[in-house]
Amino acid sequence: MWNPGAMTDDGRLLILISGPYLTGTDGDEAKIAANLARMEAMAGPVFARGHLAVVAEWLSWPIITQAGGDSHASPQFTEYQYPVAHRLLEMCDAVLRIPGESRGADLECGIARDRGMPVYTSIDEVPVVSG
């Protein structure tokens, strides 16, 4: 079950940024990069509110490439992308779901809700921690 601020005693959270990655891109690498940039753009606002943000792709790609994957079409991408995101989610305190259709992001949010974790849909919902 969710334990808010489990990694700190001052209310700071590790927040998974979740949103579209491959959805709507038809495999176009520029569109995929733009989706990733949208998620990454939330790291600063999350930090400004006193927390740390993480994007699952930051951790999945080293594992995918170590396993021999070299593209979004590689079997290693399919094998590791979601499992890495779900394992990372176990270590997070909350999710910030950015807008846009995404089966993977919806799955992550469902898992988070099942665990009793907050799922924020706006940066304004993320609590501010001072200090």
Protein backbone atom coordinates (compact mmCIF):
# COMPACT_ATOMS: atom_id res chain seq x y z
CA MET A 1 0.00 0.00 0.00
CA TRP A 2 1.11 3.53 -0.70
CA ASN A 3 3.23 5.19 1.96
CA PRO A 4 3.41 8.94 1.19
CA GLY A 5 6.92 10.33 1.25
CA ALA A 6 8.30 6.89 2.13
CA MET A 7 11.74 7.85 0.92
CA THR A 8 11.83 11.05 3.00
CA ASP A 9 10.40 12.26 6.25
CA ASP A 10 9.66 15.79 5.05
CA GLY A 11 6.85 15.11 2.58
CA ARG A 12 9.02 15.14 -0.53
CA LEU A 13 7.83 12.71 -3.17
CA LEU A 14 9.33 10.77 -6.04
CA ILE A 15 6.80 11.37 -8.80
CA LEU A 16 6.55 9.30 -11.98
CA ILE A 17 5.70 11.47 -14.99
CA SER A 18 3.39 9.41 -17.17
CA GLY A 19 1.98 10.28 -20.56
CA PRO A 20 1.99 9.46 -24.26
CA TYR A 21 5.24 8.06 -25.59
CA LEU A 22 4.57 5.98 -28.73
CA THR A 23 0.85 6.66 -29.07
CA GLY A 24 -0.04 8.70 -32.13
CA THR A 25 3.48 8.67 -33.53
CA ASP A 26 3.26 5.87 -36.13
CA GLY A 27 6.86 5.13 -35.15
CA ASP A 28 8.08 8.59 -36.19
CA GLU A 29 11.19 9.19 -34.05
CA ALA A 30 10.71 12.97 -34.04
CA LYS A 31 7.17 12.57 -32.67
CA ILE A 32 8.37 10.07 -30.08
CA ALA A 33 11.10 12.49 -29.01
CA ALA A 34 8.51 15.28 -28.75
CA ASN A 35 6.34 13.10 -26.50
CA LEU A 36 9.34 12.33 -24.30
CA ALA A 37 10.22 16.03 -24.15
CA ARG A 38 6.66 16.80 -22.96
CA MET A 39 7.11 14.39 -20.06
CA GLU A 40 10.60 15.67 -19.29
CA ALA A 41 9.34 19.26 -19.30
CA MET A 42 7.43 18.47 -16.12
CA ALA A 43 10.60 17.63 -14.16
CA GLY A 44 11.37 21.30 -13.46
CA PRO A 45 7.89 22.22 -12.21
CA VAL A 46 7.83 19.10 -10.01
CA PHE A 47 11.23 20.07 -8.58
CA ALA A 48 10.04 23.63 -8.00
CA ARG A 49 7.25 22.20 -5.82
CA GLY A 50 9.87 20.39 -3.69
CA HIS A 51 9.86 16.92 -5.22
CA LEU A 52 11.80 14.83 -7.72
CA ALA A 53 10.39 13.58 -11.00
CA VAL A 54 11.33 10.53 -12.98
CA VAL A 55 10.34 9.32 -16.46
CA ALA A 56 10.31 5.56 -16.98
CA GLU A 57 12.07 5.78 -20.34
CA TRP A 58 15.13 7.23 -18.59
CA LEU A 59 15.56 3.86 -16.88
CA SER A 60 14.17 1.49 -19.47
CA TRP A 61 16.46 2.39 -22.38
CA PRO A 62 19.73 1.32 -20.71
CA ILE A 63 18.16 -2.06 -19.97
CA ILE A 64 16.71 -2.36 -23.47
CA THR A 65 20.05 -1.56 -25.11
CA GLN A 66 21.97 -3.86 -22.73
CA ALA A 67 19.63 -6.65 -23.82
CA GLY A 68 20.45 -5.91 -27.48
CA GLY A 69 17.57 -3.63 -28.39
CA ASP A 70 18.29 -0.67 -30.61
CA SER A 71 14.90 0.71 -31.58
CA HIS A 72 11.29 1.02 -30.56
CA ALA A 73 10.57 -1.86 -32.96
CA SER A 74 13.04 -4.24 -31.31
CA PRO A 75 11.67 -7.17 -29.32
CA GLN A 76 13.74 -6.01 -26.35
CA PHE A 77 11.80 -2.74 -26.25
CA THR A 78 8.54 -4.67 -26.06
CA GLU A 79 10.00 -7.05 -23.48
CA TYR A 80 11.33 -4.42 -21.07
CA GLN A 81 9.53 -1.08 -21.47
CA TYR A 82 6.45 -1.82 -19.34
CA PRO A 83 8.15 -4.08 -16.78
CA VAL A 84 10.74 -1.38 -16.06
CA ALA A 85 8.03 1.26 -15.73
CA HIS A 86 6.03 -0.95 -13.38
CA ARG A 87 9.05 -1.77 -11.22
CA LEU A 88 9.89 1.94 -11.06
CA LEU A 89 6.30 2.70 -10.10
CA GLU A 90 6.76 0.47 -7.03
CA MET A 91 9.45 2.91 -5.86
CA CYS A 92 7.49 6.09 -6.54
CA ASP A 93 5.16 7.97 -4.23
CA ALA A 94 2.82 9.45 -6.85
CA VAL A 95 2.13 9.80 -10.56
CA LEU A 96 1.70 12.96 -12.60
CA ARG A 97 -0.36 12.02 -15.66
CA ILE A 98 0.12 14.49 -18.49
CA PRO A 99 -2.62 14.84 -21.12
CA GLY A 100 -2.90 12.66 -24.18
CA GLU A 101 -4.04 9.20 -25.13
CA SER A 102 -1.72 6.48 -23.85
CA ARG A 103 -2.48 2.87 -23.03
CA GLY A 104 0.75 2.57 -21.04
CA ALA A 105 0.14 5.73 -19.01
CA ASP A 106 -3.43 4.64 -18.30
CA LEU A 107 -2.13 1.27 -17.13
CA GLU A 108 0.44 2.95 -14.84
CA CYS A 109 -2.23 5.20 -13.37
CA GLY A 110 -4.50 2.24 -12.76
CA ILE A 111 -1.75 0.39 -10.94
CA ALA A 112 -0.99 3.49 -8.88
CA ARG A 113 -4.64 3.96 -7.93
CA ASP A 114 -4.94 0.28 -7.01
CA ARG A 115 -2.03 0.80 -4.62
CA GLY A 116 -3.67 3.87 -3.12
CA MET A 117 -1.13 6.26 -4.61
CA PRO A 118 -2.13 9.75 -5.69
CA VAL A 119 -2.44 10.32 -9.41
CA TYR A 120 -2.22 14.02 -10.22
CA THR A 121 -3.54 15.26 -13.55
CA SER A 122 -2.18 18.78 -13.21
CA ILE A 123 0.99 20.24 -11.74
CA ASP A 124 -1.29 22.45 -9.64
CA GLU A 125 -2.50 19.33 -7.80
CA VAL A 126 1.04 18.41 -6.72
CA PRO A 127 1.54 19.58 -3.14
CA VAL A 128 4.17 22.22 -2.43
CA VAL A 129 6.87 21.29 0.08
CA SER A 130 8.96 24.15 1.37
CA GLY A 131 12.64 24.09 2.15
